[in-house]
Structures are given as C-alpha cells and as structure tokens.
Amino acid sequence: MPDSLDRLLRIMARLRDPQTGCDWDVAQTFATIVPYTLEEAYEVADAIARDDMADLKDELGDLLLQVVFHARMAEEAGHFAFADVAAAIADKMEARHPHLFGGDPATEASREVRWETLKAAERTAAGATSALDGVALALPALLRAEKLQKRAARVGFDWPDAHGPAAKVREELAELADARTDAERFDEAGDLLFAAANLVRAYGIAPEDALRSANAKFERRFRAMEALTKDFAALSLDEQERLWQAVKASESDEAAEIARSQPDA
C-alpha cells in the first residue's frame, strides 16, 4: 500500500480513537457522515466543470477521506476494512471486463450493453427481484428518474420514439393545471417532472446534465442583468424582461462573433 494512503488510514484511526481521538470524529456515524460524502462528490463534479485541476486534486482528496472514514467505522464495527473495499471494487472491475482480464474475446455487443448485462447478472446473483432493484434512493431525483426509466426500457417498457413522451408531458401539464388541491398539485408536479425527464431522455440527452447546463445559463444571464443596473429589484417586470432579452442578444452576438473568427474547417 502506498505510504501516502497508509498515512491517511493511520490518521483516521488516530482521529477515531475512543480515548485519545477527536471528539467530533469519534461521535460520527455512517448516517451523520453521509451529507459530507454527498457534498464532496458534488464538489468533485464542480471542480471538473470548472476545469480546475488544482481544486480537483484537493476535492478528490476530500472524497477519498470520506471513503476512509466510512471504512474505518465499518472496521471498528467488525464489518469490513478499507482493504476489503479496495479488493471488492478491484474484483468487480475485473469481472466486468472479461475481455481484458478474463481472457474472453471481445463481443459484438457495445461497451454499454456488455457493461449493463454484467451488472444485471450481478444484481440477479445478489437476489434482485425487479428490473428496478439497485437504483439508489439517495441519488438526485432527476438522475434517479432517468435511471429508473432506463431500467424499465431495458425490459421493453418504453415508447419507440419521442412522440409518446411528448404527449405525456402535454397530458401532465394539463393535469397540473386542473389540480384543485395542494396534494393534487404536488402529485401532478412530480408526474410532470418525471415525464419531462423521460422526454429529454428520448432525445438521447441526460436530463441531469441538461438541467445543470440550464442552471448555469440562467445564473450567468441573471448576474449579467444585475450588473447592468444599480437596483435590479426596483425595476418593473417589463424592465427586467427587457434586460433579460438584452443579455440574451448580447450572448448571441458574442457567439456569432466567435464563430466568424474561427478558421474555416
């Protein structure tokens, strides 16, 4: 084991020592650490999105600490240790790449199909009884919706093209508009979002990625509007809308200028 990793494991063991460790670290449980684990995973994604390699190095370290933390608590409880975690994922990767590690020739199946077939076999071996088993409850709702839909599609429960999902979105929009109680609106709002995710998926687009991009675009444009006036909140809605359209037009002009400056392919 590399010295740096061994050092990290020893630090965590020291932090968790019941007599001489850190009170905060000793008091933690799997459940209390989960929010930090999720936060660190998102911060890794953020560093990648910003193409900040220095920050990515730090965030990967923070995420690794979370793995070490969970493994240490499991070892203390007699469940497994960090070495078992590493061995389990190594075994899994070799099993999922038999054409590289098992001597089996590569098949005609695509990489994704082969990967999903192997994962399905693993789920069956683990006692799965539904095509939806194993889709983690803790996933972001939009990402989980996509994964549930993909699982259902693998056993034939899917529209053949985007027309079906598009009609479903229109249906759910109407049902949300017709809802009469808060409970009905809540239910129909969820159905609408689920249908929208399915429609986007039908076009081969990852809903989570698309919404993340839309969030970034909205934030960029809203900040640009704020920069154009001293008191944005004091403007009327019509004035704010004019600023919004001006920002959009400015972005379009900038994109067109960049396109014109590119050499011909």
Protein backbone atom coordinates (compact mmCIF):
# COMPACT_ATOMS: atom_id res chain seq x y z
CA MET A 1 0.00 0.00 0.00
CA PRO A 2 1.44 3.43 -0.93
CA ASP A 3 2.91 5.34 2.02
CA SER A 4 0.53 8.28 1.50
CA LEU A 5 -2.54 6.06 1.68
CA ASP A 6 -1.22 4.15 4.67
CA ARG A 7 -0.57 7.50 6.36
CA LEU A 8 -4.17 8.60 5.71
CA LEU A 9 -5.53 5.37 7.19
CA ARG A 10 -3.37 5.82 10.29
CA ILE A 11 -4.57 9.43 10.67
CA MET A 12 -8.19 8.31 10.53
CA ALA A 13 -7.55 5.56 13.08
CA ARG A 14 -5.98 8.19 15.35
CA LEU A 15 -8.91 10.57 14.90
CA ARG A 16 -11.37 7.81 15.75
CA ASP A 17 -9.54 6.54 18.83
CA PRO A 18 -12.18 6.46 21.61
CA GLN A 19 -9.74 7.59 24.30
CA THR A 20 -7.33 9.97 22.57
CA GLY A 21 -9.03 10.88 19.29
CA CYS A 22 -11.01 13.91 18.12
CA ASP A 23 -14.36 14.22 19.89
CA TRP A 24 -16.14 15.22 16.67
CA ASP A 25 -14.72 12.37 14.61
CA VAL A 26 -15.39 9.81 17.33
CA ALA A 27 -19.02 10.93 17.59
CA GLN A 28 -19.78 10.42 13.89
CA THR A 29 -21.80 7.54 12.42
CA PHE A 30 -22.46 6.34 8.88
CA ALA A 31 -25.65 8.38 8.81
CA THR A 32 -24.10 11.62 10.06
CA ILE A 33 -21.25 11.40 7.57
CA VAL A 34 -23.47 10.80 4.52
CA PRO A 35 -24.22 14.53 3.89
CA TYR A 36 -20.48 15.27 3.81
CA THR A 37 -19.88 12.36 1.43
CA LEU A 38 -22.52 13.67 -0.97
CA GLU A 39 -21.22 17.22 -0.68
CA GLU A 40 -17.67 16.16 -1.51
CA ALA A 41 -18.86 14.21 -4.57
CA TYR A 42 -20.62 17.32 -5.85
CA GLU A 43 -17.54 19.42 -5.21
CA VAL A 44 -15.50 16.99 -7.30
CA ALA A 45 -18.04 17.45 -10.11
CA ASP A 46 -17.86 21.23 -9.69
CA ALA A 47 -14.05 21.26 -9.97
CA ILE A 48 -14.28 19.22 -13.16
CA ALA A 49 -16.92 21.54 -14.60
CA ARG A 50 -14.61 24.49 -13.90
CA ASP A 51 -11.62 22.59 -15.33
CA ASP A 52 -9.69 23.44 -12.16
CA MET A 53 -7.15 20.65 -11.79
CA ALA A 54 -5.60 22.03 -8.61
CA ASP A 55 -9.02 22.15 -6.97
CA LEU A 56 -9.87 18.71 -8.37
CA LYS A 57 -6.84 17.25 -6.65
CA ASP A 58 -7.98 18.71 -3.34
CA GLU A 59 -11.60 17.66 -3.80
CA LEU A 60 -10.63 14.11 -4.73
CA GLY A 61 -8.65 14.02 -1.51
CA ASP A 62 -11.70 15.18 0.43
CA LEU A 63 -13.79 12.48 -1.24
CA LEU A 64 -11.17 9.83 -0.50
CA LEU A 65 -11.28 10.90 3.14
CA GLN A 66 -14.98 10.10 3.15
CA VAL A 67 -14.29 6.58 1.89
CA VAL A 68 -11.60 6.13 4.52
CA PHE A 69 -13.96 7.47 7.21
CA HIS A 70 -16.74 5.02 6.32
CA ALA A 71 -14.30 2.13 6.03
CA ARG A 72 -12.81 2.92 9.44
CA MET A 73 -16.21 2.94 11.11
CA ALA A 74 -17.05 -0.36 9.41
CA GLU A 75 -13.77 -1.88 10.58
CA GLU A 76 -14.46 -0.77 14.16
CA ALA A 77 -17.86 -2.49 13.98
CA GLY A 78 -16.30 -5.67 12.59
CA HIS A 79 -17.91 -5.44 9.14
CA PHE A 80 -15.01 -4.80 6.76
CA ALA A 81 -11.87 -2.70 6.37
CA PHE A 82 -10.52 -0.33 3.72
CA ALA A 83 -8.52 -3.15 2.13
CA ASP A 84 -11.76 -5.11 1.68
CA VAL A 85 -13.34 -2.12 -0.07
CA ALA A 86 -10.41 -1.86 -2.47
CA ALA A 87 -10.38 -5.61 -3.09
CA ALA A 88 -14.12 -5.69 -3.77
CA ILE A 89 -14.00 -2.94 -6.40
CA ALA A 90 -10.91 -4.49 -7.99
CA ASP A 91 -12.73 -7.84 -8.25
CA LYS A 92 -15.79 -6.10 -9.70
CA MET A 93 -13.81 -4.23 -12.35
CA GLU A 94 -12.06 -7.41 -13.48
CA ALA A 95 -15.37 -9.29 -13.61
CA ARG A 96 -16.97 -6.51 -15.66
CA HIS A 97 -14.11 -6.51 -18.18
CA PRO A 98 -13.68 -10.20 -19.02
CA HIS A 99 -12.28 -9.30 -22.44
CA LEU A 100 -9.35 -7.61 -20.68
CA PHE A 101 -8.84 -9.64 -17.51
CA GLY A 102 -10.59 -12.95 -18.12
CA GLY A 103 -9.23 -13.98 -21.47
CA ASP A 104 -12.66 -13.83 -23.13
CA PRO A 105 -12.68 -12.36 -26.65
CA ALA A 106 -14.42 -9.05 -27.16
CA THR A 107 -18.05 -9.49 -28.25
CA GLU A 108 -20.07 -7.65 -30.87
CA ALA A 109 -22.11 -6.01 -28.10
CA SER A 110 -21.40 -2.37 -27.41
CA ARG A 111 -19.45 -1.43 -24.32
CA GLU A 112 -22.58 -0.07 -22.57
CA VAL A 113 -24.66 -3.17 -23.39
CA ARG A 114 -21.91 -5.50 -22.18
CA TRP A 115 -21.48 -3.44 -19.00
CA GLU A 116 -25.19 -3.40 -18.23
CA THR A 117 -25.51 -7.13 -18.94
CA LEU A 118 -22.78 -7.88 -16.43
CA LYS A 119 -24.31 -5.55 -13.85
CA ALA A 120 -27.70 -7.17 -14.35
CA ALA A 121 -26.13 -10.57 -13.71
CA GLU A 122 -24.57 -9.19 -10.52
CA ARG A 123 -27.95 -7.88 -9.35
CA THR A 124 -29.57 -11.24 -10.04
CA ALA A 125 -26.84 -13.02 -8.12
CA ALA A 126 -27.45 -10.62 -5.24
CA GLY A 127 -31.13 -11.60 -5.14
CA ALA A 128 -32.75 -8.83 -7.18
CA THR A 129 -36.41 -9.49 -7.97
CA SER A 130 -37.18 -6.39 -10.06
CA ALA A 131 -35.56 -4.64 -13.00
CA LEU A 132 -35.56 -1.53 -10.79
CA ASP A 133 -33.63 -3.08 -7.90
CA GLY A 134 -30.37 -1.35 -7.07
CA VAL A 135 -31.26 2.19 -8.20
CA ALA A 136 -30.04 4.09 -5.16
CA LEU A 137 -32.65 6.06 -3.23
CA ALA A 138 -30.10 8.75 -2.35
CA LEU A 139 -29.48 9.77 -5.97
CA PRO A 140 -30.61 13.25 -7.01
CA ALA A 141 -34.26 12.92 -8.01
CA LEU A 142 -33.72 13.83 -11.66
CA LEU A 143 -30.84 11.42 -12.07
CA ARG A 144 -32.81 8.67 -10.31
CA ALA A 145 -35.78 9.27 -12.62
CA GLU A 146 -33.54 8.76 -15.64
CA LYS A 147 -32.06 5.57 -14.20
CA LEU A 148 -35.48 4.14 -13.35
CA GLN A 149 -36.68 4.91 -16.88
CA LYS A 150 -33.62 3.29 -18.43
CA ARG A 151 -34.08 0.17 -16.34
CA ALA A 152 -37.73 -0.07 -17.40
CA ALA A 153 -36.75 0.49 -21.03
CA ARG A 154 -34.35 -2.47 -20.93
CA VAL A 155 -37.28 -4.82 -20.37
CA GLY A 156 -39.37 -3.18 -23.10
CA PHE A 157 -41.38 -0.62 -21.10
CA ASP A 158 -40.65 2.43 -23.24
CA TRP A 159 -42.02 4.42 -26.17
CA PRO A 160 -40.44 3.75 -29.57
CA ASP A 161 -39.76 7.44 -30.21
CA ALA A 162 -40.15 10.90 -28.70
CA HIS A 163 -43.80 11.33 -29.72
CA GLY A 164 -45.12 9.29 -26.79
CA PRO A 165 -43.10 11.12 -24.11
CA ALA A 166 -44.03 14.49 -25.68
CA ALA A 167 -47.74 13.63 -25.50
CA LYS A 168 -47.26 12.53 -21.89
CA VAL A 169 -45.71 15.90 -21.00
CA ARG A 170 -48.70 17.72 -22.50
CA GLU A 171 -51.04 15.42 -20.58
CA GLU A 172 -49.25 16.07 -17.30
CA LEU A 173 -49.24 19.83 -17.92
CA ALA A 174 -53.00 19.76 -18.32
CA GLU A 175 -53.45 17.64 -15.21
CA LEU A 176 -51.32 20.02 -13.15
CA ALA A 177 -53.38 22.96 -14.39
CA ASP A 178 -56.60 21.14 -13.47
CA ALA A 179 -55.43 20.06 -10.00
CA ARG A 180 -57.63 21.54 -7.27
CA THR A 181 -55.79 20.86 -4.02
CA ASP A 182 -52.22 21.28 -2.84
CA ALA A 183 -51.88 17.50 -2.58
CA GLU A 184 -53.08 17.05 -6.17
CA ARG A 185 -50.75 19.78 -7.44
CA PHE A 186 -47.83 18.20 -5.60
CA ASP A 187 -48.59 14.81 -7.17
CA GLU A 188 -49.10 16.19 -10.67
CA ALA A 189 -45.96 18.34 -10.43
CA GLY A 190 -43.92 15.20 -9.76
CA ASP A 191 -45.57 13.42 -12.69
CA LEU A 192 -44.76 16.39 -14.95
CA LEU A 193 -41.10 16.46 -13.96
CA PHE A 194 -40.82 12.67 -14.39
CA ALA A 195 -42.43 12.92 -17.84
CA ALA A 196 -40.13 15.79 -18.83
CA ALA A 197 -37.09 13.71 -17.84
CA ASN A 198 -38.41 10.87 -19.99
CA LEU A 199 -38.90 13.18 -22.98
CA VAL A 200 -35.38 14.56 -22.70
CA ARG A 201 -34.03 11.01 -22.39
CA ALA A 202 -35.88 10.07 -25.59
CA TYR A 203 -33.70 12.59 -27.42
CA GLY A 204 -30.56 10.93 -26.08
CA ILE A 205 -29.85 13.72 -23.60
CA ALA A 206 -29.02 13.14 -19.93
CA PRO A 207 -31.65 15.16 -18.01
CA GLU A 208 -29.31 15.89 -15.08
CA ASP A 209 -26.64 17.27 -17.42
CA ALA A 210 -29.15 19.33 -19.38
CA LEU A 211 -30.65 20.89 -16.24
CA ARG A 212 -27.20 21.57 -14.80
CA SER A 213 -26.34 23.44 -18.00
CA ALA A 214 -29.62 25.36 -17.88
CA ASN A 215 -28.94 26.32 -14.25
CA ALA A 216 -25.54 27.67 -15.22
CA LYS A 217 -27.01 29.60 -18.16
CA PHE A 218 -29.73 31.16 -16.01
CA GLU A 219 -27.22 32.15 -13.32
CA ARG A 220 -24.88 33.69 -15.90
CA ARG A 221 -27.65 35.71 -17.52
CA PHE A 222 -29.21 36.80 -14.23
CA ARG A 223 -25.86 38.05 -12.92
CA ALA A 224 -25.34 39.91 -16.19
CA MET A 225 -28.71 41.64 -15.74
CA GLU A 226 -27.80 42.64 -12.18
CA ALA A 227 -24.56 44.14 -13.46
CA LEU A 228 -26.47 46.41 -15.84
CA THR A 229 -28.38 48.30 -13.13
CA LYS A 230 -27.75 49.57 -9.63
CA ASP A 231 -31.03 48.26 -8.18
CA PHE A 232 -32.41 45.35 -10.16
CA ALA A 233 -35.17 44.61 -7.64
CA ALA A 234 -36.57 48.14 -8.07
CA LEU A 235 -37.25 47.60 -11.78
CA SER A 236 -40.67 46.64 -13.05
CA LEU A 237 -41.13 43.17 -14.50
CA ASP A 238 -41.27 44.66 -18.02
CA GLU A 239 -37.97 46.47 -17.42
CA GLN A 240 -36.39 43.31 -16.07
CA GLU A 241 -37.62 41.39 -19.11
CA ARG A 242 -36.04 43.96 -21.43
CA LEU A 243 -32.73 43.49 -19.62
CA TRP A 244 -33.09 39.73 -19.95
CA GLN A 245 -33.64 40.00 -23.69
CA ALA A 246 -30.68 42.39 -23.99
CA VAL A 247 -28.40 39.93 -22.21
CA LYS A 248 -29.60 37.07 -24.43
CA ALA A 249 -29.00 39.18 -27.54
CA SER A 250 -25.54 40.11 -26.31
CA GLU A 251 -24.69 36.43 -25.82
CA SER A 252 -25.95 35.64 -29.32
CA ASP A 253 -23.86 38.45 -30.82
CA GLU A 254 -20.79 37.26 -28.92
CA ALA A 255 -21.30 33.68 -30.08
CA ALA A 256 -21.71 34.83 -33.67
CA GLU A 257 -18.52 36.90 -33.44
CA ILE A 258 -16.59 33.90 -32.10
CA ALA A 259 -17.95 31.75 -34.92
CA ARG A 260 -16.88 34.30 -37.52
CA SER A 261 -13.39 34.45 -36.04
CA GLN A 262 -12.86 30.70 -36.34
CA PRO A 263 -10.90 29.47 -39.36
CA ASP A 264 -12.83 27.50 -41.94
CA ALA A 265 -12.76 23.76 -41.38
